[in-house]
Amino acid sequence: MSLFVNFPDWISPFVIEGLPIRWYAVMYIFAFATAYLLLIQEMKSEKSIKRETIEDAFFWCILGLLAGARIGSCLFYDDAVYYLTKPWMIFWPFRNGTFIGLPGMSYHGGVLGALVAGLIYCRVKKVNFMKAADLVTAAIPFAYTWGRIGNFINGELYGRVTTSPLGMIFPSAERFSTTHGWVREIADKVGLEYIAGDYVNLPRWPSQLFEAFFEGLVLGAIIWFIVRKLKEKRNLADGTILGSYIFGYGFIRFILEYFRQPDSDIGYVLGHSTNIYLFESISNISKGQVFCFIMVLGGLAIIAGVNLIGKRKKER
């Protein structure tokens, strides 16, 4: 009996076979459309900022997100020296005469890029950045879900090897030699047949779907139905939603990183294990978890800072 699920063979990363248009790119369009519709809904209860101003800020945040995500991917997870010496290659979509698009995007870089773009825009237009950020941020988690679904369709960013019945075999995943004891042990547990010396494709956690659900839908519901209402009821300061999202995402993603396989060329930045394919200890920390820990601290600092400043203003 097989204790795993095969990646659906009817799923293709391309919208139309033979054309260089991937579902991942389409997911970005769905994400931006979702965020925009939710933002419009938010604007119905916000009269202090013109709708056109928020729409413009949203547009610049998208540009900042895309630029930051691409730059972050090149500098954090790729050959930083290469891109620093040839920065024009960051946004060049061709390699060896072949169109490949922009293959790498970093979430943390995207967040930083969107924040910088939004801050610059609000400074230029003399708009309350924290108020605008709260409006835009409330719409982000639900939109984010589409991106992780795109990762799943691409069969990328999959999780660590697992013997759980939820484990899924991704066709593009790295295969392992059965000369290794741990590979044979897992293959036997999940019911994979093999010949000694074979390379086998072991089941992985579908971590993209975990992230889509918890970082997207669950966090979105918390922000939309709890934090927004709590801010309004208790008259919390502008910036509370922004801080709550940054904290919430960092916290949830930090935990889910234990299910997701770290980049093989980076491995762990903290810890002693060299096997990135298995969960062996919570002390093995990936680069993504380091960024998430910074987000947790940053989110808490924003929540505490804006509300402390707001309280002092009320006391004057």
C-alpha atoms as a PDB file:
ATOM      1  CA  MET A   1       0.000   0.000   0.000  1.00  0.00           C
ATOM      2  CA  SER A   2       1.372   3.405  -1.029  1.00  0.00           C
ATOM      3  CA  LEU A   3       1.339   6.060   1.690  1.00  0.00           C
ATOM      4  CA  PHE A   4       1.720   9.103  -0.525  1.00  0.00           C
ATOM      5  CA  VAL A   5      -0.021  11.133  -3.230  1.00  0.00           C
ATOM      6  CA  ASN A   6       1.290  11.640  -6.739  1.00  0.00           C
ATOM      7  CA  PHE A   7       1.413  15.150  -8.135  1.00  0.00           C
ATOM      8  CA  PRO A   8      -1.625  15.475 -10.453  1.00  0.00           C
ATOM      9  CA  ASP A   9      -0.461  14.625 -13.967  1.00  0.00           C
ATOM     10  CA  TRP A  10      -3.103  16.893 -15.522  1.00  0.00           C
ATOM     11  CA  ILE A  11      -1.495  20.013 -14.039  1.00  0.00           C
ATOM     12  CA  SER A  12       0.872  21.879 -16.352  1.00  0.00           C
ATOM     13  CA  PRO A  13       2.884  24.988 -15.445  1.00  0.00           C
ATOM     14  CA  PHE A  14       2.032  26.453 -18.860  1.00  0.00           C
ATOM     15  CA  VAL A  15      -1.333  28.030 -19.633  1.00  0.00           C
ATOM     16  CA  ILE A  16      -1.008  26.850 -23.243  1.00  0.00           C
ATOM     17  CA  GLU A  17       1.568  24.230 -24.102  1.00  0.00           C
ATOM     18  CA  GLY A  18       4.251  25.597 -26.407  1.00  0.00           C
ATOM     19  CA  LEU A  19       3.802  29.211 -25.300  1.00  0.00           C
ATOM     20  CA  PRO A  20       6.048  30.798 -22.629  1.00  0.00           C
ATOM     21  CA  ILE A  21       3.116  31.857 -20.435  1.00  0.00           C
ATOM     22  CA  ARG A  22       3.023  30.172 -17.051  1.00  0.00           C
ATOM     23  CA  TRP A  23       0.175  29.894 -14.608  1.00  0.00           C
ATOM     24  CA  TYR A  24       2.528  31.420 -12.037  1.00  0.00           C
ATOM     25  CA  ALA A  25       2.425  34.717 -13.961  1.00  0.00           C
ATOM     26  CA  VAL A  26      -1.373  34.476 -14.225  1.00  0.00           C
ATOM     27  CA  MET A  27      -1.532  33.944 -10.450  1.00  0.00           C
ATOM     28  CA  TYR A  28       0.141  37.330 -10.004  1.00  0.00           C
ATOM     29  CA  ILE A  29      -2.681  38.910 -12.002  1.00  0.00           C
ATOM     30  CA  PHE A  30      -5.260  37.121  -9.840  1.00  0.00           C
ATOM     31  CA  ALA A  31      -3.399  38.272  -6.720  1.00  0.00           C
ATOM     32  CA  PHE A  32      -3.319  41.927  -7.735  1.00  0.00           C
ATOM     33  CA  ALA A  33      -6.989  41.812  -8.779  1.00  0.00           C
ATOM     34  CA  THR A  34      -7.979  40.267  -5.421  1.00  0.00           C
ATOM     35  CA  ALA A  35      -5.987  42.852  -3.474  1.00  0.00           C
ATOM     36  CA  TYR A  36      -7.496  45.699  -5.508  1.00  0.00           C
ATOM     37  CA  LEU A  37     -11.089  44.524  -4.990  1.00  0.00           C
ATOM     38  CA  LEU A  38     -10.551  44.157  -1.243  1.00  0.00           C
ATOM     39  CA  LEU A  39      -8.880  47.561  -1.138  1.00  0.00           C
ATOM     40  CA  ILE A  40     -11.912  49.142  -2.817  1.00  0.00           C
ATOM     41  CA  GLN A  41     -14.079  47.514  -0.168  1.00  0.00           C
ATOM     42  CA  GLU A  42     -11.846  48.993   2.547  1.00  0.00           C
ATOM     43  CA  MET A  43     -12.087  52.448   1.030  1.00  0.00           C
ATOM     44  CA  LYS A  44     -15.853  52.532   1.525  1.00  0.00           C
ATOM     45  CA  SER A  45     -15.316  53.125   5.239  1.00  0.00           C
ATOM     46  CA  GLU A  46     -12.306  55.441   4.878  1.00  0.00           C
ATOM     47  CA  LYS A  47     -13.097  59.043   3.969  1.00  0.00           C
ATOM     48  CA  SER A  48      -9.910  60.824   5.059  1.00  0.00           C
ATOM     49  CA  ILE A  49      -7.915  59.694   2.015  1.00  0.00           C
ATOM     50  CA  LYS A  50      -9.151  60.067  -1.539  1.00  0.00           C
ATOM     51  CA  ARG A  51      -9.777  56.862  -3.437  1.00  0.00           C
ATOM     52  CA  GLU A  52      -7.561  58.035  -6.307  1.00  0.00           C
ATOM     53  CA  THR A  53      -4.683  58.589  -3.886  1.00  0.00           C
ATOM     54  CA  ILE A  54      -4.917  55.080  -2.460  1.00  0.00           C
ATOM     55  CA  GLU A  55      -5.221  53.579  -5.934  1.00  0.00           C
ATOM     56  CA  ASP A  56      -2.062  55.401  -7.000  1.00  0.00           C
ATOM     57  CA  ALA A  57      -0.281  54.259  -3.838  1.00  0.00           C
ATOM     58  CA  PHE A  58      -1.421  50.695  -4.543  1.00  0.00           C
ATOM     59  CA  PHE A  59       0.020  50.908  -8.057  1.00  0.00           C
ATOM     60  CA  TRP A  60       3.400  52.138  -6.826  1.00  0.00           C
ATOM     61  CA  CYS A  61       3.456  49.480  -4.118  1.00  0.00           C
ATOM     62  CA  ILE A  62       2.965  46.810  -6.793  1.00  0.00           C
ATOM     63  CA  LEU A  63       5.914  48.186  -8.757  1.00  0.00           C
ATOM     64  CA  GLY A  64       7.982  48.284  -5.566  1.00  0.00           C
ATOM     65  CA  LEU A  65       6.912  44.742  -4.706  1.00  0.00           C
ATOM     66  CA  LEU A  66       7.924  43.348  -8.101  1.00  0.00           C
ATOM     67  CA  ALA A  67      11.237  45.197  -8.114  1.00  0.00           C
ATOM     68  CA  GLY A  68      12.015  44.279  -4.509  1.00  0.00           C
ATOM     69  CA  ALA A  69      11.024  40.638  -5.003  1.00  0.00           C
ATOM     70  CA  ARG A  70      13.304  40.269  -7.997  1.00  0.00           C
ATOM     71  CA  ILE A  71      16.231  42.145  -6.450  1.00  0.00           C
ATOM     72  CA  GLY A  72      15.818  40.222  -3.194  1.00  0.00           C
ATOM     73  CA  SER A  73      15.853  36.898  -5.017  1.00  0.00           C
ATOM     74  CA  CYS A  74      19.050  37.783  -6.870  1.00  0.00           C
ATOM     75  CA  LEU A  75      20.866  39.127  -3.810  1.00  0.00           C
ATOM     76  CA  PHE A  76      19.532  36.822  -1.061  1.00  0.00           C
ATOM     77  CA  TYR A  77      19.179  33.493  -2.853  1.00  0.00           C
ATOM     78  CA  ASP A  78      21.288  33.664  -5.992  1.00  0.00           C
ATOM     79  CA  ASP A  79      24.786  34.712  -7.053  1.00  0.00           C
ATOM     80  CA  ALA A  80      24.864  38.155  -5.435  1.00  0.00           C
ATOM     81  CA  VAL A  81      28.347  38.962  -6.762  1.00  0.00           C
ATOM     82  CA  TYR A  82      27.238  38.271 -10.341  1.00  0.00           C
ATOM     83  CA  TYR A  83      24.205  40.554 -10.085  1.00  0.00           C
ATOM     84  CA  LEU A  84      26.065  43.299  -8.240  1.00  0.00           C
ATOM     85  CA  THR A  85      28.648  43.420 -11.029  1.00  0.00           C
ATOM     86  CA  LYS A  86      25.976  43.078 -13.746  1.00  0.00           C
ATOM     87  CA  PRO A  87      22.872  44.717 -12.246  1.00  0.00           C
ATOM     88  CA  TRP A  88      21.115  45.023 -15.619  1.00  0.00           C
ATOM     89  CA  MET A  89      20.781  41.226 -15.643  1.00  0.00           C
ATOM     90  CA  ILE A  90      18.395  41.365 -12.670  1.00  0.00           C
ATOM     91  CA  PHE A  91      15.509  42.337 -14.924  1.00  0.00           C
ATOM     92  CA  TRP A  92      16.810  40.889 -18.199  1.00  0.00           C
ATOM     93  CA  PRO A  93      14.365  38.075 -19.179  1.00  0.00           C
ATOM     94  CA  PHE A  94      16.640  36.278 -21.666  1.00  0.00           C
ATOM     95  CA  ARG A  95      19.419  33.748 -21.077  1.00  0.00           C
ATOM     96  CA  ASN A  96      21.517  32.465 -23.992  1.00  0.00           C
ATOM     97  CA  GLY A  97      18.972  33.826 -26.450  1.00  0.00           C
ATOM     98  CA  THR A  98      16.037  32.070 -24.732  1.00  0.00           C
ATOM     99  CA  PHE A  99      13.157  33.893 -23.042  1.00  0.00           C
ATOM    100  CA  ILE A 100      12.908  32.682 -19.433  1.00  0.00           C
ATOM    101  CA  GLY A 101      11.092  35.632 -17.837  1.00  0.00           C
ATOM    102  CA  LEU A 102      12.011  36.524 -14.271  1.00  0.00           C
ATOM    103  CA  PRO A 103      12.450  33.070 -12.693  1.00  0.00           C
ATOM    104  CA  GLY A 104      13.205  34.083  -9.102  1.00  0.00           C
ATOM    105  CA  MET A 105      11.119  36.225  -6.748  1.00  0.00           C
ATOM    106  CA  SER A 106      11.726  36.730  -3.020  1.00  0.00           C
ATOM    107  CA  TYR A 107       8.779  37.372  -0.723  1.00  0.00           C
ATOM    108  CA  HIS A 108      10.851  39.242   1.856  1.00  0.00           C
ATOM    109  CA  GLY A 109      12.416  41.394  -0.836  1.00  0.00           C
ATOM    110  CA  GLY A 110       8.953  42.113  -2.191  1.00  0.00           C
ATOM    111  CA  VAL A 111       7.692  43.281   1.208  1.00  0.00           C
ATOM    112  CA  LEU A 112      10.660  45.612   1.618  1.00  0.00           C
ATOM    113  CA  GLY A 113      10.230  46.956  -1.912  1.00  0.00           C
ATOM    114  CA  ALA A 114       6.511  47.628  -1.409  1.00  0.00           C
ATOM    115  CA  LEU A 115       7.140  49.388   1.923  1.00  0.00           C
ATOM    116  CA  VAL A 116       9.841  51.614   0.434  1.00  0.00           C
ATOM    117  CA  ALA A 117       7.714  52.499  -2.604  1.00  0.00           C
ATOM    118  CA  GLY A 118       4.672  53.227  -0.434  1.00  0.00           C
ATOM    119  CA  LEU A 119       6.677  55.336   2.002  1.00  0.00           C
ATOM    120  CA  ILE A 120       8.217  57.417  -0.793  1.00  0.00           C
ATOM    121  CA  TYR A 121       4.835  57.948  -2.454  1.00  0.00           C
ATOM    122  CA  CYS A 122       3.144  58.976   0.794  1.00  0.00           C
ATOM    123  CA  ARG A 123       5.968  61.370   1.632  1.00  0.00           C
ATOM    124  CA  VAL A 124       5.754  63.020  -1.794  1.00  0.00           C
ATOM    125  CA  LYS A 125       1.942  63.277  -1.686  1.00  0.00           C
ATOM    126  CA  LYS A 126       1.910  64.187   2.031  1.00  0.00           C
ATOM    127  CA  VAL A 127      -0.356  61.255   2.905  1.00  0.00           C
ATOM    128  CA  ASN A 128      -0.477  59.510   6.292  1.00  0.00           C
ATOM    129  CA  PHE A 129       1.677  56.480   5.508  1.00  0.00           C
ATOM    130  CA  MET A 130       0.469  54.336   8.402  1.00  0.00           C
ATOM    131  CA  LYS A 131      -3.196  54.938   7.568  1.00  0.00           C
ATOM    132  CA  ALA A 132      -2.608  54.135   3.898  1.00  0.00           C
ATOM    133  CA  ALA A 133      -0.500  51.100   4.821  1.00  0.00           C
ATOM    134  CA  ASP A 134      -3.286  49.710   7.009  1.00  0.00           C
ATOM    135  CA  LEU A 135      -5.754  49.969   4.137  1.00  0.00           C
ATOM    136  CA  VAL A 136      -3.456  48.252   1.662  1.00  0.00           C
ATOM    137  CA  THR A 137      -2.121  45.636   4.095  1.00  0.00           C
ATOM    138  CA  ALA A 138      -5.558  44.327   5.014  1.00  0.00           C
ATOM    139  CA  ALA A 139      -5.973  43.168   1.413  1.00  0.00           C
ATOM    140  CA  ILE A 140      -2.604  41.412   1.063  1.00  0.00           C
ATOM    141  CA  PRO A 141      -2.977  37.949   2.703  1.00  0.00           C
ATOM    142  CA  PHE A 142      -5.918  36.768   0.589  1.00  0.00           C
ATOM    143  CA  ALA A 143      -4.082  37.919  -2.527  1.00  0.00           C
ATOM    144  CA  TYR A 144      -0.917  36.143  -1.395  1.00  0.00           C
ATOM    145  CA  THR A 145      -2.720  32.811  -1.562  1.00  0.00           C
ATOM    146  CA  TRP A 146      -2.631  32.919  -5.363  1.00  0.00           C
ATOM    147  CA  GLY A 147       1.154  33.155  -5.427  1.00  0.00           C
ATOM    148  CA  ARG A 148       1.630  29.958  -3.444  1.00  0.00           C
ATOM    149  CA  ILE A 149      -0.903  28.166  -5.622  1.00  0.00           C
ATOM    150  CA  GLY A 150       1.269  29.264  -8.541  1.00  0.00           C
ATOM    151  CA  ASN A 151       4.295  27.706  -6.837  1.00  0.00           C
ATOM    152  CA  PHE A 152       2.359  24.464  -6.442  1.00  0.00           C
ATOM    153  CA  ILE A 153       1.352  24.414 -10.117  1.00  0.00           C
ATOM    154  CA  ASN A 154       5.004  24.970 -11.015  1.00  0.00           C
ATOM    155  CA  GLY A 155       5.933  22.011  -8.799  1.00  0.00           C
ATOM    156  CA  GLU A 156       8.510  24.173  -6.996  1.00  0.00           C
ATOM    157  CA  LEU A 157       9.298  25.253  -3.423  1.00  0.00           C
ATOM    158  CA  TYR A 158       8.097  21.877  -2.210  1.00  0.00           C
ATOM    159  CA  GLY A 159       8.643  20.628   1.291  1.00  0.00           C
ATOM    160  CA  ARG A 160      10.987  18.229   3.014  1.00  0.00           C
ATOM    161  CA  VAL A 161      10.807  14.485   2.638  1.00  0.00           C
ATOM    162  CA  THR A 162       8.083  12.914   4.760  1.00  0.00           C
ATOM    163  CA  THR A 163       6.448   9.563   5.483  1.00  0.00           C
ATOM    164  CA  SER A 164       3.092  11.241   6.167  1.00  0.00           C
ATOM    165  CA  PRO A 165       0.107  10.156   4.018  1.00  0.00           C
ATOM    166  CA  LEU A 166      -0.059  13.854   3.027  1.00  0.00           C
ATOM    167  CA  GLY A 167       3.316  13.495   1.332  1.00  0.00           C
ATOM    168  CA  MET A 168       3.315  14.162  -2.398  1.00  0.00           C
ATOM    169  CA  ILE A 169       5.753  13.100  -5.086  1.00  0.00           C
ATOM    170  CA  PHE A 170       6.683  16.085  -7.252  1.00  0.00           C
ATOM    171  CA  PRO A 171       8.005  15.058 -10.702  1.00  0.00           C
ATOM    172  CA  SER A 172      10.719  17.736 -10.744  1.00  0.00           C
ATOM    173  CA  ALA A 173      11.975  17.017  -7.224  1.00  0.00           C
ATOM    174  CA  GLU A 174      15.497  15.783  -6.622  1.00  0.00           C
ATOM    175  CA  ARG A 175      15.898  12.033  -6.560  1.00  0.00           C
ATOM    176  CA  PHE A 176      17.934  10.160  -3.949  1.00  0.00           C
ATOM    177  CA  SER A 177      20.195   7.150  -4.205  1.00  0.00           C
ATOM    178  CA  THR A 178      19.013   4.066  -2.364  1.00  0.00           C
ATOM    179  CA  THR A 179      22.600   3.466  -1.334  1.00  0.00           C
ATOM    180  CA  HIS A 180      21.749   5.791   1.569  1.00  0.00           C
ATOM    181  CA  GLY A 181      20.143   4.087   4.535  1.00  0.00           C
ATOM    182  CA  TRP A 182      17.713   6.895   5.288  1.00  0.00           C
ATOM    183  CA  VAL A 183      16.442   6.837   1.702  1.00  0.00           C
ATOM    184  CA  ARG A 184      15.734   3.091   1.831  1.00  0.00           C
ATOM    185  CA  GLU A 185      14.043   3.473   5.215  1.00  0.00           C
ATOM    186  CA  ILE A 186      11.630   6.120   3.975  1.00  0.00           C
ATOM    187  CA  ALA A 187      10.996   4.340   0.664  1.00  0.00           C
ATOM    188  CA  ASP A 188      10.101   1.167   2.572  1.00  0.00           C
ATOM    189  CA  LYS A 189       7.790   3.014   4.961  1.00  0.00           C
ATOM    190  CA  VAL A 190       5.767   4.674   2.184  1.00  0.00           C
ATOM    191  CA  GLY A 191       5.652   1.581  -0.034  1.00  0.00           C
ATOM    192  CA  LEU A 192       7.943   2.645  -2.871  1.00  0.00           C
ATOM    193  CA  GLU A 193       9.385  -0.222  -4.892  1.00  0.00           C
ATOM    194  CA  TYR A 194      13.006   0.048  -5.932  1.00  0.00           C
ATOM    195  CA  ILE A 195      16.087  -1.933  -6.850  1.00  0.00           C
ATOM    196  CA  ALA A 196      19.209  -1.469  -4.744  1.00  0.00           C
ATOM    197  CA  GLY A 197      21.224   1.382  -6.195  1.00  0.00           C
ATOM    198  CA  ASP A 198      18.209   3.053  -7.839  1.00  0.00           C
ATOM    199  CA  TYR A 199      17.492   6.741  -7.530  1.00  0.00           C
ATOM    200  CA  VAL A 200      14.001   7.283  -6.115  1.00  0.00           C
ATOM    201  CA  ASN A 201      11.682  10.263  -5.871  1.00  0.00           C
ATOM    202  CA  LEU A 202      10.510  10.442  -2.264  1.00  0.00           C
ATOM    203  CA  PRO A 203       7.270  12.064  -1.027  1.00  0.00           C
ATOM    204  CA  ARG A 204       7.490  15.691   0.114  1.00  0.00           C
ATOM    205  CA  TRP A 205       5.243  17.907   2.189  1.00  0.00           C
ATOM    206  CA  PRO A 206       3.089  20.027  -0.164  1.00  0.00           C
ATOM    207  CA  SER A 207       4.350  23.077   1.715  1.00  0.00           C
ATOM    208  CA  GLN A 208       3.119  25.474  -0.975  1.00  0.00           C
ATOM    209  CA  LEU A 209      -0.466  24.527  -0.103  1.00  0.00           C
ATOM    210  CA  PHE A 210       0.268  24.853   3.620  1.00  0.00           C
ATOM    211  CA  GLU A 211       1.544  28.371   3.003  1.00  0.00           C
ATOM    212  CA  ALA A 212      -1.395  29.267   0.756  1.00  0.00           C
ATOM    213  CA  PHE A 213      -3.778  28.204   3.516  1.00  0.00           C
ATOM    214  CA  PHE A 214      -2.086  29.509   6.671  1.00  0.00           C
ATOM    215  CA  GLU A 215      -0.139  32.545   5.404  1.00  0.00           C
ATOM    216  CA  GLY A 216      -2.929  33.438   3.014  1.00  0.00           C
ATOM    217  CA  LEU A 217      -6.418  32.394   4.051  1.00  0.00           C
ATOM    218  CA  VAL A 218      -5.966  31.978   7.815  1.00  0.00           C
ATOM    219  CA  LEU A 219      -3.843  35.107   8.307  1.00  0.00           C
ATOM    220  CA  GLY A 220      -6.154  37.010   5.958  1.00  0.00           C
ATOM    221  CA  ALA A 221      -9.195  36.032   8.009  1.00  0.00           C
ATOM    222  CA  ILE A 222      -7.454  37.096  11.234  1.00  0.00           C
ATOM    223  CA  ILE A 223      -6.481  40.468   9.781  1.00  0.00           C
ATOM    224  CA  TRP A 224      -9.804  41.091   8.056  1.00  0.00           C
ATOM    225  CA  PHE A 225     -12.253  39.942  10.711  1.00  0.00           C
ATOM    226  CA  ILE A 226     -10.347  40.378  13.987  1.00  0.00           C
ATOM    227  CA  VAL A 227      -7.554  42.944  13.767  1.00  0.00           C
ATOM    228  CA  ARG A 228      -9.592  45.437  11.715  1.00  0.00           C
ATOM    229  CA  LYS A 229     -12.524  45.203  14.119  1.00  0.00           C
ATOM    230  CA  LEU A 230     -10.250  45.318  17.169  1.00  0.00           C
ATOM    231  CA  LYS A 231      -8.530  48.434  15.846  1.00  0.00           C
ATOM    232  CA  GLU A 232     -11.863  50.150  15.282  1.00  0.00           C
ATOM    233  CA  LYS A 233     -13.406  49.088  18.601  1.00  0.00           C
ATOM    234  CA  ARG A 234     -10.422  50.017  20.760  1.00  0.00           C
ATOM    235  CA  ASN A 235      -9.413  52.991  18.661  1.00  0.00           C
ATOM    236  CA  LEU A 236      -5.929  51.622  18.073  1.00  0.00           C
ATOM    237  CA  ALA A 237      -3.394  53.708  16.192  1.00  0.00           C
ATOM    238  CA  ASP A 238      -2.871  53.671  12.439  1.00  0.00           C
ATOM    239  CA  GLY A 239      -0.154  51.167  11.609  1.00  0.00           C
ATOM    240  CA  THR A 240      -1.616  48.460  13.862  1.00  0.00           C
ATOM    241  CA  ILE A 241      -2.838  46.407  10.885  1.00  0.00           C
ATOM    242  CA  LEU A 242       0.500  46.803   9.111  1.00  0.00           C
ATOM    243  CA  GLY A 243       2.382  45.661  12.207  1.00  0.00           C
ATOM    244  CA  SER A 244      -0.042  42.789  12.813  1.00  0.00           C
ATOM    245  CA  TYR A 245       0.419  41.495   9.286  1.00  0.00           C
ATOM    246  CA  ILE A 246       4.207  41.701   9.411  1.00  0.00           C
ATOM    247  CA  PHE A 247       4.235  39.936  12.790  1.00  0.00           C
ATOM    248  CA  GLY A 248       1.611  37.350  11.795  1.00  0.00           C
ATOM    249  CA  TYR A 249       3.235  36.442   8.517  1.00  0.00           C
ATOM    250  CA  GLY A 250       6.687  36.195  10.061  1.00  0.00           C
ATOM    251  CA  PHE A 251       5.410  33.988  12.884  1.00  0.00           C
ATOM    252  CA  ILE A 252       3.410  31.608  10.666  1.00  0.00           C
ATOM    253  CA  ARG A 253       6.083  31.392   7.969  1.00  0.00           C
ATOM    254  CA  PHE A 254       8.778  30.701  10.586  1.00  0.00           C
ATOM    255  CA  ILE A 255       6.850  27.603  11.695  1.00  0.00           C
ATOM    256  CA  LEU A 256       5.997  26.450   8.170  1.00  0.00           C
ATOM    257  CA  GLU A 257       9.652  26.697   7.150  1.00  0.00           C
ATOM    258  CA  TYR A 258      10.171  23.500   9.160  1.00  0.00           C
ATOM    259  CA  PHE A 259       8.032  21.738   6.542  1.00  0.00           C
ATOM    260  CA  ARG A 260       9.628  23.458   3.555  1.00  0.00           C
ATOM    261  CA  GLN A 261      12.959  22.357   2.132  1.00  0.00           C
ATOM    262  CA  PRO A 262      15.693  25.023   2.380  1.00  0.00           C
ATOM    263  CA  ASP A 263      17.541  25.976  -0.797  1.00  0.00           C
ATOM    264  CA  SER A 264      20.091  23.242  -1.482  1.00  0.00           C
ATOM    265  CA  ASP A 265      22.843  25.739  -2.322  1.00  0.00           C
ATOM    266  CA  ILE A 266      22.296  27.613   0.958  1.00  0.00           C
ATOM    267  CA  GLY A 267      21.228  24.980   3.463  1.00  0.00           C
ATOM    268  CA  TYR A 268      20.898  26.041   7.087  1.00  0.00           C
ATOM    269  CA  VAL A 269      22.374  29.302   8.326  1.00  0.00           C
ATOM    270  CA  LEU A 270      22.128  28.047  11.926  1.00  0.00           C
ATOM    271  CA  GLY A 271      22.331  24.484  13.201  1.00  0.00           C
ATOM    272  CA  HIS A 272      24.576  21.475  12.743  1.00  0.00           C
ATOM    273  CA  SER A 273      22.651  19.159  10.408  1.00  0.00           C
ATOM    274  CA  THR A 274      23.769  18.816   6.793  1.00  0.00           C
ATOM    275  CA  ASN A 275      20.695  16.907   5.639  1.00  0.00           C
ATOM    276  CA  ILE A 276      18.273  19.598   4.487  1.00  0.00           C
ATOM    277  CA  TYR A 277      15.804  17.043   3.171  1.00  0.00           C
ATOM    278  CA  LEU A 278      14.605  15.827   6.567  1.00  0.00           C
ATOM    279  CA  PHE A 279      13.273  17.614   9.627  1.00  0.00           C
ATOM    280  CA  GLU A 280      15.711  16.664  12.372  1.00  0.00           C
ATOM    281  CA  SER A 281      15.737  19.526  14.859  1.00  0.00           C
ATOM    282  CA  ILE A 282      14.063  22.874  15.488  1.00  0.00           C
ATOM    283  CA  SER A 283      17.557  24.308  15.990  1.00  0.00           C
ATOM    284  CA  ASN A 284      18.254  23.957  12.268  1.00  0.00           C
ATOM    285  CA  ILE A 285      17.351  27.412  10.991  1.00  0.00           C
ATOM    286  CA  SER A 286      17.024  28.416   7.325  1.00  0.00           C
ATOM    287  CA  LYS A 287      17.731  31.835   5.827  1.00  0.00           C
ATOM    288  CA  GLY A 288      13.985  32.310   5.353  1.00  0.00           C
ATOM    289  CA  GLN A 289      13.449  31.788   9.082  1.00  0.00           C
ATOM    290  CA  VAL A 290      16.043  34.434   9.885  1.00  0.00           C
ATOM    291  CA  PHE A 291      14.123  36.925   7.747  1.00  0.00           C
ATOM    292  CA  CYS A 292      10.862  35.808   9.368  1.00  0.00           C
ATOM    293  CA  PHE A 293      12.287  36.330  12.856  1.00  0.00           C
ATOM    294  CA  ILE A 294      13.245  39.862  11.834  1.00  0.00           C
ATOM    295  CA  MET A 295       9.664  40.347  10.606  1.00  0.00           C
ATOM    296  CA  VAL A 296       8.273  39.177  13.946  1.00  0.00           C
ATOM    297  CA  LEU A 297      10.417  41.701  15.829  1.00  0.00           C
ATOM    298  CA  GLY A 298       9.650  44.424  13.288  1.00  0.00           C
ATOM    299  CA  GLY A 299       5.900  43.797  13.469  1.00  0.00           C
ATOM    300  CA  LEU A 300       5.882  43.940  17.257  1.00  0.00           C
ATOM    301  CA  ALA A 301       7.960  47.129  17.170  1.00  0.00           C
ATOM    302  CA  ILE A 302       5.493  48.785  14.779  1.00  0.00           C
ATOM    303  CA  ILE A 303       2.445  47.803  16.851  1.00  0.00           C
ATOM    304  CA  ALA A 304       4.021  48.973  20.102  1.00  0.00           C
ATOM    305  CA  GLY A 305       5.544  52.099  18.569  1.00  0.00           C
ATOM    306  CA  VAL A 306       2.496  53.508  16.801  1.00  0.00           C
ATOM    307  CA  ASN A 307       0.198  52.839  19.757  1.00  0.00           C
ATOM    308  CA  LEU A 308       2.653  54.305  22.282  1.00  0.00           C
ATOM    309  CA  ILE A 309       3.026  57.436  20.168  1.00  0.00           C
ATOM    310  CA  GLY A 310      -0.746  57.590  19.698  1.00  0.00           C
ATOM    311  CA  LYS A 311      -1.340  57.291  23.431  1.00  0.00           C
ATOM    312  CA  ARG A 312       1.079  60.094  24.222  1.00  0.00           C
ATOM    313  CA  LYS A 313      -0.577  62.362  21.678  1.00  0.00           C
ATOM    314  CA  LYS A 314      -3.950  61.763  23.308  1.00  0.00           C
ATOM    315  CA  GLU A 315      -2.524  62.636  26.746  1.00  0.00           C
ATOM    316  CA  ARG A 316      -1.250  66.018  25.625  1.00  0.00           C
END
